Protein backbone atom coordinates (compact mmCIF):
# COMPACT_ATOMS: atom_id res chain seq x y z
CA UNK A 1 18.17 13.21 9.01
CA UNK A 2 15.24 11.08 10.12
CA UNK A 3 11.96 12.56 11.29
CA UNK A 4 9.14 11.37 13.48
CA UNK A 5 5.58 12.41 12.62
CA UNK A 6 3.22 12.10 15.58
CA UNK A 7 -0.56 12.58 15.71
CA UNK A 8 -1.59 13.31 19.30
CA UNK A 9 -4.70 14.14 21.29
CA UNK A 10 -4.80 17.68 22.63
CA UNK A 11 -5.11 17.76 26.42
CA UNK A 12 -7.81 19.99 27.82
CA UNK A 13 -6.53 22.74 30.10
CA UNK A 14 -8.52 24.61 32.73
CA UNK A 15 -8.77 28.39 32.39
CA UNK A 16 -7.17 28.83 35.82
CA UNK A 17 -4.10 26.86 34.70
CA UNK A 18 -3.73 29.06 31.63
CA UNK A 19 -3.94 32.23 33.73
CA UNK A 20 -1.42 30.87 36.27
CA UNK A 21 1.05 29.90 33.53
CA UNK A 22 0.68 33.30 31.88
CA UNK A 23 1.12 35.19 35.15
CA UNK A 24 4.05 33.06 36.32
CA UNK A 25 5.84 33.15 32.98
CA UNK A 26 6.21 29.38 32.80
CA UNK A 27 5.15 26.83 30.20
CA UNK A 28 1.70 25.37 30.36
CA UNK A 29 2.75 22.06 28.80
CA UNK A 30 6.11 20.34 29.02
CA UNK A 31 6.20 17.71 26.29
CA UNK A 32 9.47 16.24 27.55
CA UNK A 33 8.02 15.48 30.99
CA UNK A 34 4.44 14.61 30.00
CA UNK A 35 3.85 14.13 26.25
CA UNK A 36 0.33 14.29 24.89
CA UNK A 37 -1.38 10.92 24.30
CA UNK A 38 -0.28 9.54 20.92
CA UNK A 39 -2.70 8.28 18.27
CA UNK A 40 -0.34 7.53 15.40
CA UNK A 41 3.42 7.52 14.83
CA UNK A 42 5.18 7.47 11.44
CA UNK A 43 8.90 7.70 10.54
CA UNK A 44 10.32 9.51 7.52
CA UNK A 45 13.83 9.54 6.10
CA UNK A 46 13.91 13.18 4.96
CA UNK A 47 12.18 16.50 5.58
CA UNK A 48 10.13 16.51 2.38
CA UNK A 49 8.72 13.05 3.11
CA UNK A 50 7.98 14.09 6.71
CA UNK A 51 6.06 17.17 5.61
CA UNK A 52 4.11 15.16 3.03
CA UNK A 53 3.12 12.61 5.68
CA UNK A 54 2.22 15.39 8.13
CA UNK A 55 0.01 17.00 5.51
CA UNK A 56 -1.75 13.67 4.94
CA UNK A 57 -2.29 13.15 8.67
CA UNK A 58 -3.66 16.68 8.93
CA UNK A 59 -6.66 15.66 6.82
CA UNK A 60 -7.98 13.43 9.62
CA UNK A 61 -11.29 14.80 10.90
CA UNK A 62 -10.17 15.09 14.54
CA UNK A 63 -7.14 17.16 13.50
CA UNK A 64 -9.27 19.44 11.36
CA UNK A 65 -11.76 19.82 14.25
CA UNK A 66 -8.98 20.83 16.66
CA UNK A 67 -9.12 17.77 18.95
CA UNK A 68 -5.78 16.40 17.73
CA UNK A 69 -2.56 17.85 16.34
CA UNK A 70 0.26 16.67 14.09
CA UNK A 71 3.89 17.22 15.10
CA UNK A 72 7.04 16.76 13.01
CA UNK A 73 10.09 16.04 15.18
CA UNK A 74 13.70 15.68 14.00
CA UNK A 75 15.37 12.58 15.43
CA UNK A 76 18.85 14.03 15.83
CA UNK A 77 18.50 13.89 19.63
CA UNK A 78 18.18 10.45 21.26
CA UNK A 79 15.94 11.97 23.96
CA UNK A 80 13.25 12.79 21.41
CA UNK A 81 13.19 9.21 20.18
CA UNK A 82 12.92 7.88 23.74
CA UNK A 83 10.01 10.21 24.59
CA UNK A 84 7.93 9.20 21.55
CA UNK A 85 8.75 5.50 21.22
CA UNK A 86 5.53 3.45 20.79
CA UNK A 87 4.36 1.82 24.00
CA UNK A 88 6.23 4.26 26.25
CA UNK A 89 4.14 6.74 28.21
């Protein structure tokens, strides 16, 4: 199975939005409708390679400081690939 490793910026969220999401029982972020801005995208052919690449991307200063995050996504669903294709927002 192929994997996609994505380094994204973390969107700031207002405290009122967090409270409203918590009270309403709905999700604060919906990555399928509005993915976080991407900084870097890497493909891997297997899980071990994907985790190794994710670990390497996690050493970036912005990730360590909490301004960015690293996500490992399996590409078994065509919708995931479409949402994270470079150049598509």
